[in-house]
N, C-alpha and C. Protein backbone atom coordinates (compact mmCIF):
# COMPACT_ATOMS: atom_id res chain seq x y z
N MET A 1 10.11 -46.40 -17.89
CA MET A 1 9.37 -45.20 -17.55
C MET A 1 10.18 -43.96 -17.93
N GLU A 2 9.52 -43.00 -18.56
CA GLU A 2 10.19 -41.78 -18.98
C GLU A 2 10.53 -40.93 -17.77
N LYS A 3 11.76 -40.43 -17.74
CA LYS A 3 12.21 -39.64 -16.61
C LYS A 3 11.60 -38.24 -16.62
N ILE A 4 11.47 -37.64 -15.44
CA ILE A 4 11.02 -36.25 -15.31
C ILE A 4 12.23 -35.36 -15.55
N LYS A 5 12.12 -34.49 -16.55
CA LYS A 5 13.25 -33.64 -16.93
C LYS A 5 13.23 -32.34 -16.11
N VAL A 6 14.39 -31.98 -15.56
CA VAL A 6 14.50 -30.84 -14.64
C VAL A 6 15.54 -29.84 -15.13
N LEU A 7 15.15 -28.57 -15.13
CA LEU A 7 16.07 -27.46 -15.42
C LEU A 7 16.33 -26.70 -14.12
N VAL A 8 17.61 -26.49 -13.78
CA VAL A 8 17.98 -25.78 -12.55
C VAL A 8 18.42 -24.37 -12.91
N VAL A 9 17.80 -23.38 -12.26
CA VAL A 9 18.10 -21.97 -12.56
C VAL A 9 18.56 -21.27 -11.30
N ASP A 10 19.83 -20.84 -11.29
CA ASP A 10 20.39 -20.15 -10.12
C ASP A 10 21.63 -19.39 -10.56
N ASP A 11 21.76 -18.13 -10.12
CA ASP A 11 22.91 -17.34 -10.53
C ASP A 11 24.19 -17.73 -9.80
N GLN A 12 24.09 -18.54 -8.75
CA GLN A 12 25.27 -19.06 -8.06
C GLN A 12 25.60 -20.43 -8.66
N THR A 13 26.61 -20.47 -9.50
CA THR A 13 26.91 -21.68 -10.28
C THR A 13 27.17 -22.89 -9.40
N GLU A 14 27.95 -22.70 -8.33
CA GLU A 14 28.27 -23.84 -7.46
C GLU A 14 27.01 -24.40 -6.81
N LEU A 15 26.13 -23.50 -6.39
CA LEU A 15 24.88 -23.94 -5.75
C LEU A 15 24.00 -24.66 -6.76
N ALA A 16 23.94 -24.15 -7.99
CA ALA A 16 23.17 -24.81 -9.03
C ALA A 16 23.68 -26.23 -9.26
N GLU A 17 25.00 -26.38 -9.26
CA GLU A 17 25.60 -27.71 -9.45
C GLU A 17 25.25 -28.63 -8.28
N GLU A 18 25.25 -28.09 -7.06
CA GLU A 18 24.89 -28.88 -5.89
C GLU A 18 23.45 -29.37 -5.98
N ILE A 19 22.54 -28.46 -6.37
CA ILE A 19 21.13 -28.83 -6.52
C ILE A 19 20.99 -29.90 -7.59
N ALA A 20 21.69 -29.71 -8.72
CA ALA A 20 21.63 -30.68 -9.80
C ALA A 20 22.14 -32.05 -9.35
N SER A 21 23.18 -32.04 -8.52
CA SER A 21 23.74 -33.30 -8.02
C SER A 21 22.72 -34.06 -7.18
N VAL A 22 21.95 -33.32 -6.38
CA VAL A 22 20.91 -33.95 -5.57
C VAL A 22 19.84 -34.56 -6.48
N VAL A 23 19.43 -33.80 -7.50
CA VAL A 23 18.40 -34.28 -8.42
C VAL A 23 18.86 -35.55 -9.13
N ARG A 24 20.14 -35.60 -9.48
CA ARG A 24 20.67 -36.75 -10.23
C ARG A 24 20.71 -38.04 -9.40
N THR A 25 20.55 -37.93 -8.10
CA THR A 25 20.58 -39.14 -7.27
C THR A 25 19.30 -39.96 -7.41
N ASP A 26 18.27 -39.39 -8.01
CA ASP A 26 17.00 -40.10 -8.18
C ASP A 26 16.89 -40.61 -9.62
N GLU A 27 16.68 -41.90 -9.75
CA GLU A 27 16.63 -42.51 -11.08
C GLU A 27 15.41 -42.08 -11.89
N GLU A 28 14.41 -41.49 -11.23
CA GLU A 28 13.21 -41.05 -11.94
C GLU A 28 13.36 -39.64 -12.52
N LEU A 29 14.47 -38.97 -12.16
CA LEU A 29 14.67 -37.59 -12.57
C LEU A 29 15.91 -37.46 -13.45
N GLU A 30 15.89 -36.45 -14.32
CA GLU A 30 17.02 -36.18 -15.21
C GLU A 30 17.23 -34.67 -15.29
N VAL A 31 18.45 -34.22 -15.00
CA VAL A 31 18.79 -32.81 -15.15
C VAL A 31 19.12 -32.56 -16.62
N VAL A 32 18.33 -31.71 -17.25
CA VAL A 32 18.51 -31.45 -18.69
C VAL A 32 19.22 -30.13 -18.96
N GLY A 33 19.51 -29.37 -17.91
CA GLY A 33 20.21 -28.12 -18.13
C GLY A 33 20.33 -27.28 -16.87
N LEU A 34 21.26 -26.31 -16.91
CA LEU A 34 21.44 -25.32 -15.86
C LEU A 34 21.42 -23.94 -16.50
N ALA A 35 20.88 -22.95 -15.79
CA ALA A 35 20.85 -21.58 -16.30
C ALA A 35 21.21 -20.63 -15.17
N ASN A 36 21.84 -19.50 -15.54
CA ASN A 36 22.32 -18.54 -14.54
C ASN A 36 21.31 -17.47 -14.18
N ASP A 37 20.25 -17.31 -14.98
CA ASP A 37 19.23 -16.31 -14.68
C ASP A 37 17.97 -16.65 -15.46
N GLY A 38 16.92 -15.89 -15.23
CA GLY A 38 15.64 -16.17 -15.87
C GLY A 38 15.69 -16.04 -17.38
N PHE A 39 16.48 -15.07 -17.86
CA PHE A 39 16.59 -14.86 -19.29
C PHE A 39 17.21 -16.08 -19.98
N GLU A 40 18.28 -16.60 -19.38
CA GLU A 40 18.92 -17.78 -19.94
C GLU A 40 18.01 -19.01 -19.84
N ALA A 41 17.27 -19.09 -18.74
CA ALA A 41 16.34 -20.21 -18.57
C ALA A 41 15.29 -20.21 -19.66
N LEU A 42 14.76 -19.03 -19.95
CA LEU A 42 13.73 -18.92 -20.98
C LEU A 42 14.28 -19.35 -22.34
N GLY A 43 15.55 -18.99 -22.59
CA GLY A 43 16.18 -19.35 -23.85
C GLY A 43 16.42 -20.84 -24.00
N LYS A 44 16.52 -21.55 -22.86
CA LYS A 44 16.80 -22.99 -22.90
C LYS A 44 15.54 -23.85 -22.90
N MET A 45 14.39 -23.25 -22.66
CA MET A 45 13.16 -24.02 -22.52
C MET A 45 12.85 -24.86 -23.76
N ALA A 46 12.95 -24.26 -24.94
CA ALA A 46 12.56 -24.95 -26.17
C ALA A 46 13.46 -26.15 -26.45
N ASP A 47 14.78 -25.99 -26.18
CA ASP A 47 15.71 -27.08 -26.46
C ASP A 47 15.69 -28.15 -25.37
N CYS A 48 15.66 -27.72 -24.11
CA CYS A 48 15.72 -28.68 -22.99
C CYS A 48 14.38 -29.37 -22.72
N LYS A 49 13.30 -28.66 -23.01
CA LYS A 49 11.95 -29.18 -22.77
C LYS A 49 11.78 -29.77 -21.36
N PRO A 50 12.11 -29.00 -20.32
CA PRO A 50 11.98 -29.53 -18.96
C PRO A 50 10.52 -29.70 -18.55
N ASP A 51 10.29 -30.70 -17.73
CA ASP A 51 8.96 -30.88 -17.13
C ASP A 51 8.82 -30.00 -15.90
N VAL A 52 9.93 -29.83 -15.17
CA VAL A 52 9.94 -29.04 -13.93
C VAL A 52 11.16 -28.12 -13.95
N VAL A 53 10.94 -26.85 -13.59
CA VAL A 53 12.03 -25.88 -13.48
C VAL A 53 12.21 -25.51 -12.01
N LEU A 54 13.43 -25.67 -11.49
CA LEU A 54 13.75 -25.21 -10.14
C LEU A 54 14.33 -23.81 -10.29
N MET A 55 13.62 -22.82 -9.79
CA MET A 55 13.90 -21.41 -10.11
C MET A 55 14.28 -20.60 -8.86
N ASP A 56 15.48 -20.03 -8.89
CA ASP A 56 15.84 -19.05 -7.85
C ASP A 56 15.02 -17.79 -8.08
N ILE A 57 14.94 -16.90 -7.09
CA ILE A 57 14.07 -15.74 -7.24
C ILE A 57 14.83 -14.44 -7.47
N ARG A 58 15.95 -14.25 -6.79
CA ARG A 58 16.75 -13.03 -6.98
C ARG A 58 17.91 -13.34 -7.92
N MET A 59 17.79 -12.86 -9.16
CA MET A 59 18.84 -13.10 -10.15
C MET A 59 18.96 -11.87 -11.05
N PRO A 60 20.14 -11.66 -11.65
CA PRO A 60 20.29 -10.53 -12.57
C PRO A 60 19.56 -10.79 -13.89
N ASN A 61 19.42 -9.74 -14.68
CA ASN A 61 18.83 -9.79 -16.03
C ASN A 61 17.33 -10.08 -16.03
N MET A 62 16.91 -11.19 -15.43
CA MET A 62 15.49 -11.48 -15.30
C MET A 62 15.29 -12.30 -14.03
N ASN A 63 14.53 -11.74 -13.07
CA ASN A 63 14.38 -12.45 -11.80
C ASN A 63 13.42 -13.64 -11.93
N GLY A 64 13.32 -14.41 -10.85
CA GLY A 64 12.55 -15.65 -10.90
C GLY A 64 11.06 -15.45 -11.10
N VAL A 65 10.51 -14.38 -10.56
CA VAL A 65 9.06 -14.15 -10.70
C VAL A 65 8.71 -13.85 -12.15
N VAL A 66 9.47 -12.94 -12.78
CA VAL A 66 9.22 -12.61 -14.18
C VAL A 66 9.45 -13.83 -15.07
N ALA A 67 10.52 -14.57 -14.80
CA ALA A 67 10.82 -15.77 -15.59
C ALA A 67 9.71 -16.80 -15.44
N THR A 68 9.20 -16.95 -14.25
CA THR A 68 8.10 -17.90 -14.02
C THR A 68 6.88 -17.53 -14.85
N GLN A 69 6.54 -16.24 -14.83
CA GLN A 69 5.38 -15.78 -15.60
C GLN A 69 5.58 -16.04 -17.09
N ARG A 70 6.79 -15.76 -17.59
CA ARG A 70 7.08 -15.95 -19.02
C ARG A 70 7.05 -17.43 -19.40
N ILE A 71 7.65 -18.25 -18.55
CA ILE A 71 7.69 -19.69 -18.84
C ILE A 71 6.29 -20.27 -18.83
N ARG A 72 5.50 -19.92 -17.84
CA ARG A 72 4.15 -20.47 -17.74
C ARG A 72 3.28 -20.00 -18.90
N SER A 73 3.57 -18.79 -19.41
CA SER A 73 2.82 -18.27 -20.54
C SER A 73 3.20 -18.96 -21.84
N GLU A 74 4.51 -19.18 -22.04
CA GLU A 74 5.00 -19.72 -23.30
C GLU A 74 5.10 -21.25 -23.30
N PHE A 75 5.26 -21.84 -22.11
CA PHE A 75 5.38 -23.29 -21.99
C PHE A 75 4.46 -23.77 -20.87
N PRO A 76 3.15 -23.72 -21.09
CA PRO A 76 2.18 -23.96 -20.02
C PRO A 76 2.24 -25.35 -19.38
N ASP A 77 2.83 -26.31 -20.06
CA ASP A 77 2.92 -27.66 -19.48
C ASP A 77 4.05 -27.78 -18.47
N ALA A 78 5.00 -26.87 -18.50
CA ALA A 78 6.12 -26.93 -17.56
C ALA A 78 5.69 -26.43 -16.18
N LYS A 79 6.17 -27.09 -15.16
CA LYS A 79 5.92 -26.68 -13.78
C LYS A 79 7.14 -25.94 -13.25
N VAL A 80 6.91 -24.88 -12.50
CA VAL A 80 8.00 -24.09 -11.93
C VAL A 80 7.91 -24.14 -10.41
N ILE A 81 9.01 -24.54 -9.79
CA ILE A 81 9.11 -24.50 -8.33
C ILE A 81 10.15 -23.45 -7.96
N ILE A 82 9.75 -22.48 -7.17
CA ILE A 82 10.71 -21.49 -6.68
C ILE A 82 11.54 -22.15 -5.59
N LEU A 83 12.86 -22.06 -5.72
CA LEU A 83 13.79 -22.61 -4.73
C LEU A 83 14.74 -21.49 -4.33
N THR A 84 14.56 -20.94 -3.14
CA THR A 84 15.25 -19.71 -2.77
C THR A 84 15.56 -19.68 -1.28
N THR A 85 16.29 -18.65 -0.86
CA THR A 85 16.56 -18.44 0.57
C THR A 85 15.59 -17.43 1.17
N PHE A 86 14.76 -16.80 0.34
CA PHE A 86 13.90 -15.70 0.79
C PHE A 86 12.48 -16.20 1.06
N ASP A 87 11.98 -15.96 2.27
CA ASP A 87 10.62 -16.39 2.62
C ASP A 87 9.69 -15.20 2.86
N ASP A 88 9.99 -14.06 2.24
CA ASP A 88 9.14 -12.88 2.34
C ASP A 88 7.79 -13.15 1.69
N SER A 89 6.71 -12.75 2.35
CA SER A 89 5.36 -13.06 1.85
C SER A 89 5.09 -12.44 0.48
N ASP A 90 5.68 -11.26 0.20
CA ASP A 90 5.48 -10.64 -1.11
C ASP A 90 6.07 -11.50 -2.23
N TYR A 91 7.27 -12.03 -1.98
CA TYR A 91 7.89 -12.92 -2.96
C TYR A 91 7.01 -14.15 -3.19
N ILE A 92 6.55 -14.74 -2.09
CA ILE A 92 5.76 -15.96 -2.18
C ILE A 92 4.49 -15.73 -2.98
N LEU A 93 3.75 -14.69 -2.62
CA LEU A 93 2.48 -14.41 -3.29
C LEU A 93 2.69 -14.04 -4.76
N ASN A 94 3.74 -13.25 -5.05
CA ASN A 94 4.02 -12.90 -6.44
C ASN A 94 4.35 -14.12 -7.27
N ALA A 95 5.13 -15.02 -6.69
CA ALA A 95 5.50 -16.23 -7.42
C ALA A 95 4.29 -17.10 -7.70
N ILE A 96 3.47 -17.33 -6.69
CA ILE A 96 2.28 -18.17 -6.86
C ILE A 96 1.30 -17.52 -7.83
N ASN A 97 1.12 -16.22 -7.70
CA ASN A 97 0.20 -15.51 -8.60
C ASN A 97 0.68 -15.52 -10.05
N ASN A 98 1.98 -15.69 -10.25
CA ASN A 98 2.52 -15.72 -11.60
C ASN A 98 2.74 -17.13 -12.12
N GLY A 99 2.13 -18.11 -11.44
CA GLY A 99 2.10 -19.45 -12.00
C GLY A 99 3.00 -20.48 -11.38
N ALA A 100 3.75 -20.14 -10.34
CA ALA A 100 4.62 -21.13 -9.71
C ALA A 100 3.79 -22.25 -9.08
N SER A 101 4.29 -23.47 -9.21
CA SER A 101 3.60 -24.63 -8.64
C SER A 101 4.04 -24.90 -7.21
N GLY A 102 5.04 -24.18 -6.75
CA GLY A 102 5.50 -24.38 -5.38
C GLY A 102 6.54 -23.35 -5.00
N TYR A 103 6.83 -23.30 -3.71
CA TYR A 103 7.80 -22.34 -3.18
C TYR A 103 8.55 -23.04 -2.06
N LEU A 104 9.84 -23.31 -2.30
CA LEU A 104 10.65 -24.03 -1.33
C LEU A 104 11.85 -23.19 -0.91
N LEU A 105 12.33 -23.43 0.29
CA LEU A 105 13.54 -22.77 0.77
C LEU A 105 14.72 -23.70 0.56
N LYS A 106 15.90 -23.13 0.34
CA LYS A 106 17.06 -23.93 -0.03
C LYS A 106 17.60 -24.81 1.11
N ASP A 107 17.09 -24.61 2.30
CA ASP A 107 17.52 -25.49 3.39
C ASP A 107 16.71 -26.79 3.42
N ILE A 108 15.88 -27.02 2.41
CA ILE A 108 15.07 -28.23 2.33
C ILE A 108 15.99 -29.45 2.19
N GLY A 109 15.59 -30.55 2.79
CA GLY A 109 16.36 -31.79 2.68
C GLY A 109 16.30 -32.36 1.29
N GLY A 110 17.28 -33.19 0.96
CA GLY A 110 17.36 -33.78 -0.37
C GLY A 110 16.14 -34.59 -0.74
N ASN A 111 15.72 -35.49 0.14
CA ASN A 111 14.55 -36.32 -0.17
C ASN A 111 13.29 -35.49 -0.34
N ALA A 112 13.16 -34.45 0.48
CA ALA A 112 11.98 -33.58 0.38
C ALA A 112 11.97 -32.85 -0.96
N LEU A 113 13.14 -32.43 -1.42
CA LEU A 113 13.24 -31.75 -2.71
C LEU A 113 12.86 -32.70 -3.84
N LEU A 114 13.36 -33.92 -3.80
CA LEU A 114 13.05 -34.90 -4.85
C LEU A 114 11.55 -35.20 -4.89
N ASN A 115 10.96 -35.34 -3.72
CA ASN A 115 9.51 -35.60 -3.65
C ASN A 115 8.72 -34.40 -4.16
N ALA A 116 9.20 -33.19 -3.85
CA ALA A 116 8.51 -31.98 -4.30
C ALA A 116 8.51 -31.90 -5.83
N ILE A 117 9.62 -32.25 -6.46
CA ILE A 117 9.70 -32.23 -7.92
C ILE A 117 8.68 -33.20 -8.52
N LYS A 118 8.62 -34.40 -7.96
CA LYS A 118 7.68 -35.41 -8.47
C LYS A 118 6.24 -34.98 -8.24
N ASN A 119 5.96 -34.42 -7.08
CA ASN A 119 4.59 -34.00 -6.76
C ASN A 119 4.15 -32.82 -7.63
N ALA A 120 5.07 -31.88 -7.86
CA ALA A 120 4.75 -30.75 -8.73
C ALA A 120 4.48 -31.25 -10.14
N HIS A 121 5.27 -32.17 -10.61
CA HIS A 121 5.07 -32.75 -11.94
C HIS A 121 3.71 -33.43 -12.04
N ALA A 122 3.25 -34.00 -10.92
CA ALA A 122 1.95 -34.66 -10.88
C ALA A 122 0.78 -33.69 -10.78
N GLY A 123 1.11 -32.40 -10.58
CA GLY A 123 0.05 -31.39 -10.54
C GLY A 123 -0.23 -30.80 -9.18
N ASP A 124 0.53 -31.19 -8.16
CA ASP A 124 0.31 -30.66 -6.82
C ASP A 124 0.94 -29.28 -6.66
N THR A 125 0.40 -28.51 -5.72
CA THR A 125 1.02 -27.25 -5.32
C THR A 125 1.86 -27.50 -4.09
N ILE A 126 3.13 -27.11 -4.14
CA ILE A 126 4.08 -27.44 -3.08
C ILE A 126 4.31 -26.23 -2.19
N LEU A 127 3.73 -26.26 -1.00
CA LEU A 127 3.90 -25.17 -0.04
C LEU A 127 4.14 -25.77 1.35
N PRO A 128 5.38 -25.84 1.79
CA PRO A 128 5.67 -26.33 3.15
C PRO A 128 4.95 -25.49 4.20
N ALA A 129 4.78 -26.06 5.38
CA ALA A 129 4.00 -25.41 6.44
C ALA A 129 4.49 -23.99 6.73
N LYS A 130 5.79 -23.79 6.76
CA LYS A 130 6.35 -22.46 7.07
C LYS A 130 5.92 -21.43 6.03
N ILE A 131 5.94 -21.84 4.76
CA ILE A 131 5.55 -20.94 3.67
C ILE A 131 4.05 -20.69 3.70
N ALA A 132 3.28 -21.74 3.94
CA ALA A 132 1.82 -21.59 4.02
C ALA A 132 1.44 -20.62 5.13
N ARG A 133 2.16 -20.67 6.25
CA ARG A 133 1.87 -19.74 7.35
C ARG A 133 2.14 -18.30 6.94
N ARG A 134 3.20 -18.08 6.16
CA ARG A 134 3.50 -16.74 5.67
C ARG A 134 2.34 -16.18 4.85
N ILE A 135 1.78 -17.03 3.98
CA ILE A 135 0.67 -16.60 3.14
C ILE A 135 -0.55 -16.30 4.00
N THR A 136 -0.82 -17.17 4.96
CA THR A 136 -1.96 -16.97 5.86
C THR A 136 -1.82 -15.68 6.65
N ASP A 137 -0.62 -15.44 7.17
CA ASP A 137 -0.38 -14.22 7.94
C ASP A 137 -0.56 -12.98 7.07
N ALA A 138 -0.09 -13.06 5.82
CA ALA A 138 -0.23 -11.92 4.90
C ALA A 138 -1.70 -11.66 4.60
N ALA A 139 -2.47 -12.75 4.41
CA ALA A 139 -3.90 -12.61 4.13
C ALA A 139 -4.62 -11.99 5.32
N ARG A 140 -4.25 -12.39 6.51
CA ARG A 140 -4.86 -11.82 7.71
C ARG A 140 -4.57 -10.33 7.82
N HIS A 141 -3.33 -9.96 7.49
CA HIS A 141 -2.95 -8.55 7.55
C HIS A 141 -3.77 -7.72 6.57
N VAL A 142 -3.95 -8.26 5.34
CA VAL A 142 -4.76 -7.57 4.34
C VAL A 142 -6.19 -7.43 4.81
N ALA A 143 -6.74 -8.53 5.38
CA ALA A 143 -8.12 -8.50 5.86
C ALA A 143 -8.29 -7.46 6.96
N ALA A 144 -7.35 -7.43 7.91
CA ALA A 144 -7.42 -6.47 9.01
C ALA A 144 -7.35 -5.04 8.48
N ASP A 145 -6.49 -4.81 7.50
CA ASP A 145 -6.35 -3.48 6.91
C ASP A 145 -7.66 -3.05 6.24
N ARG A 146 -8.33 -3.97 5.54
CA ARG A 146 -9.59 -3.65 4.86
C ARG A 146 -10.66 -3.28 5.89
N GLU A 147 -10.70 -4.03 6.98
CA GLU A 147 -11.70 -3.77 8.02
C GLU A 147 -11.50 -2.38 8.63
N ILE A 148 -10.25 -2.05 8.92
CA ILE A 148 -9.94 -0.75 9.52
C ILE A 148 -10.33 0.38 8.57
N ARG A 149 -10.06 0.20 7.28
CA ARG A 149 -10.40 1.25 6.30
C ARG A 149 -11.91 1.51 6.27
N LEU A 150 -12.70 0.44 6.27
CA LEU A 150 -14.15 0.61 6.23
C LEU A 150 -14.68 1.24 7.51
N GLN A 151 -14.12 0.82 8.64
CA GLN A 151 -14.56 1.40 9.92
C GLN A 151 -14.28 2.89 9.97
N ARG A 152 -13.12 3.29 9.49
CA ARG A 152 -12.74 4.71 9.53
C ARG A 152 -13.54 5.53 8.52
N ALA A 153 -13.76 4.96 7.33
CA ALA A 153 -14.44 5.71 6.28
C ALA A 153 -15.92 5.89 6.54
N PHE A 154 -16.57 4.84 7.11
CA PHE A 154 -18.03 4.86 7.21
C PHE A 154 -18.57 4.68 8.64
N ASN A 155 -17.65 4.63 9.61
CA ASN A 155 -18.07 4.45 11.00
C ASN A 155 -18.96 3.21 11.15
N MET A 156 -18.53 2.10 10.57
CA MET A 156 -19.29 0.86 10.62
C MET A 156 -18.94 0.04 11.86
N SER A 157 -19.91 -0.74 12.32
CA SER A 157 -19.66 -1.70 13.39
C SER A 157 -18.93 -2.91 12.82
N ASP A 158 -18.44 -3.78 13.69
CA ASP A 158 -17.73 -4.98 13.23
C ASP A 158 -18.63 -5.82 12.32
N ARG A 159 -19.89 -5.99 12.70
CA ARG A 159 -20.81 -6.79 11.89
C ARG A 159 -21.10 -6.13 10.55
N GLU A 160 -21.25 -4.81 10.57
CA GLU A 160 -21.51 -4.09 9.32
C GLU A 160 -20.31 -4.22 8.37
N VAL A 161 -19.11 -4.15 8.93
CA VAL A 161 -17.91 -4.32 8.11
C VAL A 161 -17.89 -5.72 7.50
N GLU A 162 -18.22 -6.71 8.31
CA GLU A 162 -18.24 -8.10 7.84
C GLU A 162 -19.21 -8.26 6.66
N ILE A 163 -20.39 -7.69 6.80
CA ILE A 163 -21.41 -7.80 5.74
C ILE A 163 -21.03 -6.95 4.53
N ALA A 164 -20.45 -5.78 4.77
CA ALA A 164 -20.02 -4.92 3.66
C ALA A 164 -18.96 -5.63 2.81
N LEU A 165 -18.03 -6.32 3.46
CA LEU A 165 -17.00 -7.05 2.71
C LEU A 165 -17.60 -8.21 1.93
N MET A 166 -18.61 -8.85 2.49
CA MET A 166 -19.28 -9.94 1.78
C MET A 166 -20.05 -9.40 0.58
N MET A 167 -20.68 -8.25 0.74
CA MET A 167 -21.34 -7.60 -0.39
C MET A 167 -20.32 -7.30 -1.48
N TYR A 168 -19.17 -6.78 -1.07
CA TYR A 168 -18.09 -6.45 -1.99
C TYR A 168 -17.62 -7.68 -2.76
N GLU A 169 -17.63 -8.84 -2.08
CA GLU A 169 -17.20 -10.09 -2.71
C GLU A 169 -18.29 -10.72 -3.57
N GLY A 170 -19.49 -10.11 -3.57
CA GLY A 170 -20.55 -10.60 -4.45
C GLY A 170 -21.58 -11.50 -3.80
N PHE A 171 -21.57 -11.61 -2.47
CA PHE A 171 -22.56 -12.44 -1.78
C PHE A 171 -23.94 -11.80 -1.86
N THR A 172 -24.97 -12.62 -2.04
CA THR A 172 -26.35 -12.14 -1.98
C THR A 172 -26.79 -12.08 -0.52
N ASN A 173 -27.94 -11.45 -0.26
CA ASN A 173 -28.46 -11.39 1.10
C ASN A 173 -28.69 -12.79 1.66
N ARG A 174 -29.22 -13.66 0.82
CA ARG A 174 -29.48 -15.03 1.28
C ARG A 174 -28.18 -15.74 1.65
N GLN A 175 -27.15 -15.57 0.85
CA GLN A 175 -25.86 -16.20 1.13
C GLN A 175 -25.23 -15.63 2.40
N ILE A 176 -25.38 -14.32 2.58
CA ILE A 176 -24.86 -13.68 3.80
C ILE A 176 -25.58 -14.23 5.02
N SER A 177 -26.91 -14.34 4.91
CA SER A 177 -27.71 -14.86 6.02
C SER A 177 -27.29 -16.27 6.39
N ALA A 178 -27.07 -17.11 5.38
CA ALA A 178 -26.69 -18.50 5.63
C ALA A 178 -25.30 -18.58 6.24
N ALA A 179 -24.38 -17.79 5.73
CA ALA A 179 -23.00 -17.84 6.20
C ALA A 179 -22.87 -17.33 7.64
N LEU A 180 -23.62 -16.29 7.97
CA LEU A 180 -23.51 -15.67 9.30
C LEU A 180 -24.60 -16.12 10.27
N LYS A 181 -25.45 -17.05 9.78
CA LYS A 181 -26.54 -17.57 10.61
C LYS A 181 -27.45 -16.44 11.12
N LEU A 182 -27.86 -15.58 10.18
CA LEU A 182 -28.78 -14.49 10.47
C LEU A 182 -30.07 -14.71 9.70
N SER A 183 -31.17 -14.15 10.20
CA SER A 183 -32.40 -14.19 9.42
C SER A 183 -32.23 -13.24 8.24
N GLU A 184 -32.99 -13.49 7.17
CA GLU A 184 -32.87 -12.62 6.00
C GLU A 184 -33.33 -11.20 6.33
N GLY A 185 -34.31 -11.08 7.25
CA GLY A 185 -34.77 -9.76 7.66
C GLY A 185 -33.66 -8.98 8.35
N THR A 186 -32.93 -9.66 9.22
CA THR A 186 -31.82 -9.02 9.93
C THR A 186 -30.74 -8.59 8.94
N THR A 187 -30.46 -9.46 7.98
CA THR A 187 -29.45 -9.12 6.96
C THR A 187 -29.89 -7.90 6.16
N ARG A 188 -31.18 -7.86 5.79
CA ARG A 188 -31.67 -6.70 5.03
C ARG A 188 -31.52 -5.42 5.83
N ASN A 189 -31.75 -5.49 7.14
CA ASN A 189 -31.60 -4.30 7.99
C ASN A 189 -30.14 -3.82 7.99
N TYR A 190 -29.22 -4.78 8.10
CA TYR A 190 -27.80 -4.41 8.07
C TYR A 190 -27.43 -3.78 6.73
N VAL A 191 -27.91 -4.37 5.64
CA VAL A 191 -27.62 -3.86 4.31
C VAL A 191 -28.18 -2.44 4.15
N SER A 192 -29.39 -2.21 4.67
CA SER A 192 -29.99 -0.87 4.60
C SER A 192 -29.15 0.14 5.37
N THR A 193 -28.62 -0.28 6.52
CA THR A 193 -27.75 0.60 7.30
C THR A 193 -26.47 0.92 6.54
N ILE A 194 -25.95 -0.08 5.83
CA ILE A 194 -24.75 0.13 5.03
C ILE A 194 -25.02 1.13 3.91
N TYR A 195 -26.21 1.06 3.31
CA TYR A 195 -26.57 2.06 2.30
C TYR A 195 -26.52 3.47 2.89
N ILE A 196 -27.08 3.60 4.08
CA ILE A 196 -27.13 4.92 4.74
C ILE A 196 -25.71 5.42 5.03
N LYS A 197 -24.87 4.51 5.58
CA LYS A 197 -23.53 4.92 5.99
C LYS A 197 -22.61 5.20 4.80
N THR A 198 -22.89 4.55 3.68
CA THR A 198 -22.08 4.82 2.48
C THR A 198 -22.69 5.92 1.61
N ASN A 199 -23.84 6.47 2.11
CA ASN A 199 -24.56 7.55 1.39
C ASN A 199 -24.94 7.11 -0.02
N THR A 200 -25.48 5.89 -0.12
CA THR A 200 -25.91 5.35 -1.41
C THR A 200 -27.34 4.84 -1.29
N GLU A 201 -27.93 4.52 -2.44
CA GLU A 201 -29.34 4.12 -2.44
C GLU A 201 -29.57 2.66 -2.82
N ASN A 202 -28.52 1.97 -3.28
CA ASN A 202 -28.71 0.58 -3.68
C ASN A 202 -27.40 -0.19 -3.54
N ARG A 203 -27.48 -1.47 -3.84
CA ARG A 203 -26.33 -2.36 -3.66
C ARG A 203 -25.16 -1.98 -4.57
N VAL A 204 -25.47 -1.67 -5.81
CA VAL A 204 -24.42 -1.29 -6.76
C VAL A 204 -23.67 -0.05 -6.26
N GLY A 205 -24.42 0.94 -5.79
CA GLY A 205 -23.78 2.14 -5.28
C GLY A 205 -22.94 1.88 -4.05
N ALA A 206 -23.48 1.04 -3.15
CA ALA A 206 -22.75 0.73 -1.92
C ALA A 206 -21.46 -0.02 -2.22
N VAL A 207 -21.54 -1.00 -3.09
CA VAL A 207 -20.35 -1.77 -3.45
C VAL A 207 -19.31 -0.88 -4.11
N ASP A 208 -19.76 0.06 -4.93
CA ASP A 208 -18.85 1.00 -5.58
C ASP A 208 -18.15 1.88 -4.55
N ALA A 209 -18.92 2.34 -3.55
CA ALA A 209 -18.34 3.17 -2.49
C ALA A 209 -17.31 2.38 -1.68
N ILE A 210 -17.65 1.12 -1.39
CA ILE A 210 -16.74 0.25 -0.64
C ILE A 210 -15.45 0.01 -1.45
N LYS A 211 -15.63 -0.22 -2.73
CA LYS A 211 -14.48 -0.47 -3.61
C LYS A 211 -13.52 0.71 -3.62
N LYS A 212 -14.06 1.92 -3.65
CA LYS A 212 -13.20 3.11 -3.68
C LYS A 212 -12.36 3.21 -2.42
N VAL A 213 -12.93 2.81 -1.30
CA VAL A 213 -12.19 2.87 -0.04
C VAL A 213 -11.09 1.79 0.00
N LEU A 214 -11.40 0.63 -0.56
CA LEU A 214 -10.47 -0.49 -0.47
C LEU A 214 -9.38 -0.48 -1.55
N SER A 215 -9.61 0.27 -2.63
CA SER A 215 -8.64 0.25 -3.74
C SER A 215 -7.44 1.16 -3.46
């Protein structure tokens, strides 16, 4: 069976060697290279041809998020797992949005790391419970912020805000009715009220007004 080739990227050389040593304990995996930053990692991709890249996030010259985006763009078959000490939601979301297949913290156990590499290679997204909670909390914060903006801008009720956001996301009246368990007549009444409160005459105008408040 062909081994899964792994490139380790970390500006702390000793730590990179430690990570590589853990990877080498699994007969299904092969460390094909080490890099000190994203720029060096990108330069080694063509020669090393790694299947999975273990990528630190804070590094000089080119950080892990930028390197992940570049690698995924130029070597789309390679999987990138962020392996870092930082669990800030902005880092997590930026990494995932730029193509990372997973986000792990460096306190992860050896066996868990080895399994994560194999699972990422198989196409899974690797997000431990702690990281997933960070993303969920960030999403809730964004949602709450959007609701407050609409309430302040247009003096909408909670239900009107809910429907306005669904309109913004492209839901039809029928879809809104089904999702919120409302009659279509009730939904139309809410939509008409939203037109009045946004000082618009149709759905396109209302969505545009909502977009301006949320952008």
